[in-house]
N, C-alpha and C. Protein backbone atom coordinates (compact mmCIF):
# COMPACT_ATOMS: atom_id res chain seq x y z
N MET A 1 16.08 -45.90 -91.64
CA MET A 1 16.67 -44.83 -92.53
C MET A 1 17.69 -44.60 -91.63
N GLU A 2 18.52 -44.21 -91.59
CA GLU A 2 19.89 -43.86 -90.64
C GLU A 2 20.41 -42.48 -91.39
N LEU A 3 20.38 -41.48 -90.63
CA LEU A 3 20.90 -40.20 -91.29
C LEU A 3 22.20 -39.84 -90.81
N THR A 4 23.15 -40.51 -90.55
CA THR A 4 24.13 -39.78 -89.40
C THR A 4 25.37 -40.11 -90.57
N GLY A 5 25.20 -41.01 -91.66
CA GLY A 5 26.40 -40.76 -92.75
C GLY A 5 26.72 -39.73 -93.70
N ALA A 6 24.87 -39.48 -94.00
CA ALA A 6 24.43 -37.99 -94.54
C ALA A 6 25.04 -37.07 -93.90
N LEU A 7 24.81 -36.98 -92.64
CA LEU A 7 24.88 -35.63 -91.79
C LEU A 7 26.21 -35.18 -91.91
N SER A 8 27.15 -36.36 -91.32
CA SER A 8 28.63 -36.89 -91.15
C SER A 8 29.54 -36.18 -92.28
N ASN A 9 28.97 -36.14 -93.63
CA ASN A 9 29.60 -35.68 -94.64
C ASN A 9 29.56 -34.89 -95.76
N PRO A 10 29.57 -33.72 -94.95
CA PRO A 10 29.39 -32.58 -95.67
C PRO A 10 29.61 -32.25 -97.21
N PRO A 11 28.93 -31.88 -98.00
CA PRO A 11 28.92 -31.79 -99.15
C PRO A 11 30.05 -30.88 -99.68
N PHE A 12 30.69 -29.58 -98.76
CA PHE A 12 31.83 -29.13 -99.36
C PHE A 12 32.66 -29.57 -97.74
N SER A 13 33.75 -28.88 -98.47
CA SER A 13 35.62 -29.17 -97.93
C SER A 13 35.33 -28.18 -96.26
N LEU A 14 35.92 -28.40 -95.31
CA LEU A 14 36.29 -27.80 -94.36
C LEU A 14 37.02 -26.86 -94.18
N GLU A 15 38.22 -27.76 -94.79
CA GLU A 15 39.46 -27.10 -95.07
C GLU A 15 39.42 -25.77 -95.88
N GLY A 16 38.61 -26.00 -96.87
CA GLY A 16 38.36 -24.82 -97.99
C GLY A 16 37.58 -23.65 -97.16
N LEU A 17 37.16 -23.95 -96.47
CA LEU A 17 36.15 -22.90 -95.30
C LEU A 17 36.74 -22.13 -94.76
N GLY A 18 37.89 -23.18 -94.13
CA GLY A 18 39.00 -22.40 -93.09
C GLY A 18 40.06 -21.11 -93.99
N ARG A 19 40.25 -21.82 -95.12
CA ARG A 19 41.08 -21.12 -96.05
C ARG A 19 40.29 -19.39 -96.15
N LEU A 20 39.04 -19.34 -97.03
CA LEU A 20 38.74 -18.92 -96.99
C LEU A 20 38.54 -17.47 -95.62
N ALA A 21 38.11 -18.21 -94.58
CA ALA A 21 37.48 -17.60 -93.26
C ALA A 21 39.14 -16.26 -93.08
N ASN A 22 40.29 -17.38 -93.28
CA ASN A 22 41.32 -16.66 -93.30
C ASN A 22 41.67 -15.64 -93.97
N ARG A 23 41.50 -15.66 -95.80
CA ARG A 23 41.28 -14.76 -96.21
C ARG A 23 40.74 -13.61 -96.39
N VAL A 24 39.88 -13.56 -95.77
CA VAL A 24 38.79 -12.60 -95.44
C VAL A 24 38.87 -11.83 -94.20
N ARG A 25 39.38 -12.53 -93.20
CA ARG A 25 40.27 -12.02 -91.90
C ARG A 25 41.62 -10.79 -92.59
N GLY A 26 42.39 -11.50 -93.17
CA GLY A 26 43.68 -10.58 -93.68
C GLY A 26 43.47 -9.66 -94.83
N ARG A 27 42.03 -9.34 -95.06
CA ARG A 27 41.91 -8.11 -96.13
C ARG A 27 42.07 -6.77 -94.75
N SER A 28 42.55 -5.86 -95.19
CA SER A 28 42.52 -4.79 -95.28
C SER A 28 41.83 -3.71 -95.57
N LYS A 29 42.13 -2.24 -95.46
CA LYS A 29 41.20 -1.46 -95.48
C LYS A 29 42.41 -0.66 -97.19
N ALA A 30 43.54 -1.13 -96.52
CA ALA A 30 44.36 -0.52 -97.42
C ALA A 30 44.19 -1.74 -99.09
N ASN A 31 43.93 -2.78 -98.66
CA ASN A 31 43.33 -3.47 -99.96
C ASN A 31 42.39 -3.38 -100.68
N GLY A 32 41.38 -2.33 -100.05
CA GLY A 32 40.39 -2.28 -100.87
C GLY A 32 39.00 -2.38 -100.33
N ALA A 33 39.20 -3.29 -98.79
CA ALA A 33 38.23 -4.12 -98.13
C ALA A 33 37.86 -3.18 -96.94
N TRP A 34 36.67 -3.05 -96.98
CA TRP A 34 35.57 -1.82 -95.71
C TRP A 34 35.52 -2.72 -94.73
N THR A 35 35.84 -2.32 -93.55
CA THR A 35 35.63 -2.75 -92.58
C THR A 35 33.98 -2.29 -91.98
N ARG A 36 33.53 -3.33 -91.30
CA ARG A 36 32.23 -2.80 -90.87
C ARG A 36 32.08 -1.50 -90.59
N ARG A 37 33.04 -1.05 -89.53
CA ARG A 37 32.48 0.06 -89.03
C ARG A 37 33.21 1.07 -90.28
N ASP A 38 33.76 1.09 -91.37
CA ASP A 38 33.81 1.94 -92.27
C ASP A 38 32.71 2.15 -93.00
N ARG A 39 31.79 1.39 -93.19
CA ARG A 39 31.36 1.26 -94.16
C ARG A 39 30.28 2.17 -94.03
N PRO A 40 30.02 2.73 -95.36
CA PRO A 40 29.00 3.92 -95.26
C PRO A 40 27.08 3.43 -95.15
N LEU A 41 26.65 4.19 -94.20
CA LEU A 41 25.78 3.49 -93.75
C LEU A 41 24.49 3.80 -94.78
N PRO A 42 23.50 3.27 -95.04
CA PRO A 42 22.51 3.72 -96.07
C PRO A 42 21.52 4.74 -95.22
N SER A 43 20.83 5.45 -95.61
CA SER A 43 20.44 6.33 -94.97
C SER A 43 19.01 6.08 -94.44
N ARG A 44 18.38 6.84 -93.27
CA ARG A 44 16.95 6.16 -92.97
C ARG A 44 16.05 6.09 -94.08
N PRO A 45 14.34 5.17 -93.98
CA PRO A 45 14.01 4.84 -94.92
C PRO A 45 13.34 6.26 -95.09
N GLY A 46 12.53 7.55 -94.19
CA GLY A 46 12.50 8.64 -94.27
C GLY A 46 13.33 9.94 -94.52
N ALA A 47 14.46 9.63 -94.72
CA ALA A 47 15.15 10.59 -95.28
C ALA A 47 15.10 11.24 -96.32
N VAL A 48 14.60 10.62 -97.33
CA VAL A 48 14.17 11.21 -98.86
C VAL A 48 13.23 11.54 -99.04
N LEU A 49 12.33 11.56 -98.16
CA LEU A 49 10.92 12.15 -98.08
C LEU A 49 10.88 13.16 -97.13
N THR A 50 12.19 13.51 -96.16
CA THR A 50 12.24 14.43 -95.35
C THR A 50 12.54 15.58 -96.32
N ALA A 51 13.78 15.51 -97.12
CA ALA A 51 14.46 15.74 -98.17
C ALA A 51 13.29 16.65 -99.43
N VAL A 52 12.48 15.75 -99.81
CA VAL A 52 12.04 16.45 -100.88
C VAL A 52 10.70 17.04 -100.20
N THR A 53 10.41 16.83 -99.32
CA THR A 53 9.13 18.26 -98.71
C THR A 53 9.96 19.15 -97.90
N SER A 54 10.91 19.24 -97.40
CA SER A 54 11.82 20.51 -96.87
C SER A 54 11.66 21.12 -98.22
N VAL A 55 12.54 20.59 -99.40
CA VAL A 55 12.29 21.44 -100.77
C VAL A 55 11.19 22.28 -101.29
N LEU A 56 10.39 21.32 -101.38
CA LEU A 56 8.69 22.07 -102.02
C LEU A 56 8.54 22.92 -100.85
N PHE A 57 8.69 22.72 -99.73
CA PHE A 57 7.97 23.53 -98.40
C PHE A 57 9.06 24.74 -98.82
N HIS A 58 10.28 24.70 -99.00
CA HIS A 58 10.92 26.56 -98.87
C HIS A 58 10.94 26.92 -100.46
N ALA A 59 10.50 25.96 -101.56
CA ALA A 59 10.67 26.54 -102.68
C ALA A 59 9.20 27.61 -103.13
N GLY A 60 8.20 27.49 -102.12
CA GLY A 60 7.26 28.30 -102.48
C GLY A 60 6.58 28.84 -103.91
N GLY A 61 6.44 26.98 -104.19
CA GLY A 61 6.00 26.84 -105.61
C GLY A 61 6.12 26.20 -106.18
N PRO A 62 5.59 25.45 -107.50
CA PRO A 62 5.79 24.17 -107.91
C PRO A 62 7.02 24.56 -108.88
N LEU A 63 7.68 23.31 -108.26
CA LEU A 63 8.65 22.70 -109.03
C LEU A 63 8.43 21.35 -109.98
N SER A 64 9.41 21.52 -111.07
CA SER A 64 9.29 19.72 -112.06
C SER A 64 10.21 18.51 -110.95
N VAL A 65 10.02 17.58 -111.12
CA VAL A 65 10.70 16.18 -110.41
C VAL A 65 11.97 16.54 -110.12
N SER A 66 12.63 16.88 -112.12
CA SER A 66 14.07 17.17 -112.27
C SER A 66 14.99 18.48 -110.87
N GLU A 67 14.16 19.38 -111.03
CA GLU A 67 14.28 20.40 -110.07
C GLU A 67 14.03 19.94 -108.37
N VAL A 68 13.20 19.02 -107.98
CA VAL A 68 13.41 18.82 -106.96
C VAL A 68 14.81 17.65 -107.01
N TYR A 69 14.61 16.76 -107.61
CA TYR A 69 15.89 16.21 -107.61
C TYR A 69 16.99 16.34 -107.22
N ALA A 70 17.42 17.40 -108.27
CA ALA A 70 18.45 18.28 -107.89
C ALA A 70 18.80 19.12 -106.82
N GLU A 71 17.75 19.96 -105.85
CA GLU A 71 17.58 20.62 -104.97
C GLU A 71 18.06 19.14 -103.68
N VAL A 72 17.52 17.89 -103.75
CA VAL A 72 17.27 16.98 -102.71
C VAL A 72 18.97 16.78 -102.93
N VAL A 73 19.45 16.19 -103.71
CA VAL A 73 21.07 15.98 -104.00
C VAL A 73 21.99 16.98 -103.61
N SER A 74 21.59 18.25 -103.90
CA SER A 74 22.70 19.11 -103.51
C SER A 74 21.95 19.41 -101.91
N ALA A 75 20.61 18.81 -101.38
CA ALA A 75 20.77 19.45 -99.79
C ALA A 75 21.63 18.70 -99.44
N THR A 76 21.18 16.91 -99.63
CA THR A 76 21.87 16.26 -98.76
C THR A 76 23.33 15.48 -98.85
N GLY A 77 23.55 16.40 -100.09
CA GLY A 77 25.23 15.98 -100.21
C GLY A 77 25.43 14.79 -100.75
N ALA A 78 24.64 13.82 -100.65
CA ALA A 78 24.71 12.47 -101.21
C ALA A 78 23.64 12.11 -102.72
N ALA A 79 24.23 10.90 -103.08
CA ALA A 79 23.69 10.25 -103.89
C ALA A 79 22.38 9.85 -103.65
N VAL A 80 21.27 10.19 -104.17
CA VAL A 80 19.98 10.17 -103.61
C VAL A 80 19.11 9.33 -105.41
N PRO A 81 18.61 7.96 -105.04
CA PRO A 81 17.98 7.55 -106.22
C PRO A 81 17.04 8.32 -106.68
N ARG A 82 17.05 8.63 -107.80
CA ARG A 82 15.74 9.32 -109.01
C ARG A 82 14.19 8.97 -108.54
N SER A 83 14.51 7.44 -108.48
CA SER A 83 13.18 6.47 -108.10
C SER A 83 12.41 7.39 -106.71
N SER A 84 13.44 7.22 -105.61
CA SER A 84 12.83 7.42 -104.55
C SER A 84 12.16 8.33 -104.51
N VAL A 85 13.20 9.77 -105.21
CA VAL A 85 12.57 11.02 -105.05
C VAL A 85 10.72 11.03 -105.90
N LYS A 86 10.52 10.42 -107.04
CA LYS A 86 9.65 10.36 -107.80
C LYS A 86 8.53 9.08 -106.71
N MET A 87 9.04 8.47 -105.66
CA MET A 87 7.91 7.63 -105.33
C MET A 87 7.86 8.65 -103.93
N ALA A 88 8.30 9.26 -103.44
CA ALA A 88 8.30 9.71 -102.51
C ALA A 88 7.06 10.93 -102.91
N LEU A 89 7.29 11.53 -104.01
CA LEU A 89 6.17 12.66 -104.51
C LEU A 89 4.87 11.95 -104.78
N SER A 90 4.85 10.85 -105.86
CA SER A 90 3.89 10.28 -105.96
C SER A 90 2.82 9.93 -105.26
N SER A 91 3.48 9.36 -104.22
CA SER A 91 3.08 8.26 -103.05
C SER A 91 2.53 9.77 -102.09
N HIS A 92 2.56 10.74 -101.88
CA HIS A 92 2.39 11.95 -100.32
C HIS A 92 1.87 12.84 -101.42
N CYS A 93 0.73 12.56 -102.57
CA CYS A 93 -0.09 13.73 -103.35
C CYS A 93 -1.16 12.96 -102.96
N ARG A 94 -1.74 11.74 -102.38
CA ARG A 94 -3.45 11.41 -102.82
C ARG A 94 -3.63 11.33 -101.23
N GLY A 95 -5.25 11.47 -100.92
CA GLY A 95 -5.25 11.04 -100.01
C GLY A 95 -6.10 12.50 -98.55
N ALA A 96 -6.33 12.40 -97.56
CA ALA A 96 -7.04 13.53 -96.90
C ALA A 96 -5.40 14.06 -96.31
N HIS A 97 -4.65 13.50 -95.93
CA HIS A 97 -3.05 13.71 -95.72
C HIS A 97 -1.95 14.07 -96.40
N ALA A 98 -2.49 14.56 -97.41
CA ALA A 98 -1.20 14.97 -98.97
C ALA A 98 -0.31 16.04 -98.81
N ARG A 99 0.95 15.57 -98.63
CA ARG A 99 2.22 16.67 -98.37
C ARG A 99 2.08 17.85 -99.55
N PHE A 100 2.50 16.78 -100.70
CA PHE A 100 1.79 17.74 -102.12
C PHE A 100 1.00 17.88 -102.67
N ARG A 101 0.80 18.36 -103.54
CA ARG A 101 -0.15 18.06 -104.55
C ARG A 101 0.71 18.31 -106.01
N ARG A 102 -0.02 17.81 -107.00
CA ARG A 102 0.43 17.30 -108.07
C ARG A 102 -0.34 18.66 -109.29
N VAL A 103 0.78 19.42 -109.46
CA VAL A 103 -0.34 20.72 -110.28
C VAL A 103 -0.34 20.07 -111.99
N GLU A 104 0.90 19.13 -112.38
CA GLU A 104 0.59 19.23 -113.74
C GLU A 104 1.34 17.90 -114.14
N PHE A 105 1.73 16.72 -114.86
CA PHE A 105 2.66 15.78 -115.04
C PHE A 105 3.78 16.07 -115.24
N GLY A 106 4.30 15.71 -113.92
CA GLY A 106 6.09 16.08 -113.50
C GLY A 106 5.97 17.01 -112.50
N VAL A 107 5.04 17.92 -112.13
CA VAL A 107 5.36 18.95 -111.10
C VAL A 107 4.61 18.95 -110.27
N TYR A 108 4.85 19.40 -108.73
CA TYR A 108 4.52 19.01 -107.52
C TYR A 108 4.85 20.47 -107.25
N GLU A 109 3.78 20.62 -106.09
CA GLU A 109 3.91 22.22 -104.93
C GLU A 109 3.84 21.52 -103.40
N PHE A 110 4.21 21.99 -102.27
CA PHE A 110 3.55 21.65 -101.40
C PHE A 110 2.16 22.30 -101.35
N ALA A 111 1.29 20.93 -100.19
CA ALA A 111 -0.03 21.07 -100.39
C ALA A 111 -0.89 21.86 -99.28
N VAL A 112 0.07 22.20 -98.35
CA VAL A 112 -0.61 23.14 -97.05
C VAL A 112 -0.26 24.61 -97.92
N SER A 113 -1.30 25.57 -98.15
CA SER A 113 -1.47 27.03 -98.34
C SER A 113 -0.61 27.59 -97.65
N TRP A 114 -0.18 28.53 -97.36
CA TRP A 114 0.54 29.84 -96.62
C TRP A 114 -0.33 30.46 -96.00
N ALA A 115 -1.52 30.30 -96.08
CA ALA A 115 -2.91 31.14 -96.02
C ALA A 115 -3.38 30.06 -94.43
N ALA A 116 -2.96 28.79 -94.99
CA ALA A 116 -3.52 28.06 -94.00
C ALA A 116 -2.32 27.71 -92.81
N LEU A 117 -1.01 27.58 -93.47
CA LEU A 117 -0.24 27.48 -92.10
C LEU A 117 -0.36 28.98 -91.24
N GLY A 118 -0.52 29.98 -91.76
CA GLY A 118 -0.55 31.63 -91.11
C GLY A 118 -1.86 31.56 -90.20
N SER A 119 -3.02 30.64 -90.31
CA SER A 119 -4.00 30.12 -89.55
C SER A 119 -3.95 29.47 -88.70
N LYS A 120 -3.36 28.52 -88.96
CA LYS A 120 -2.69 27.61 -87.39
C LYS A 120 -1.82 28.02 -86.39
N GLN A 121 -0.99 28.72 -87.34
CA GLN A 121 0.09 29.57 -86.25
C GLN A 121 -0.63 30.94 -85.67
N ALA A 122 -1.72 31.50 -86.01
CA ALA A 122 -2.43 32.32 -85.23
C ALA A 122 -3.19 31.98 -84.40
N GLY A 123 -4.16 30.48 -84.85
CA GLY A 123 -4.98 30.25 -84.26
C GLY A 123 -4.74 29.18 -83.13
N GLY A 124 -3.51 28.60 -82.85
CA GLY A 124 -2.98 28.41 -81.67
C GLY A 124 -3.17 26.79 -82.05
């Protein structure tokens, strides 16, 4: 079986591919296209977890998911998916090294007590 003919005849037009490349190259930021350097970068994977931890640490008491979400958005100054905040809370409230404690449905607090923090700092 000879594959030379099948491989030398692509199913698409190479001229059309060239026109597409020229059209993409001709775009500028002025007509709505983003260049690679101007495109906003996605946040680091742990950025939402860090923000949630900071919010609950400084809250000093339990907060609802809505309150945590609002504080994370105001602290980061960016649109954060609500599902990311909920996932950070629910996935880090179980186990021996849990960051958060679920007080009741939809309400979380920082898991480490203030007394434990004080004794760790005092004990060195």
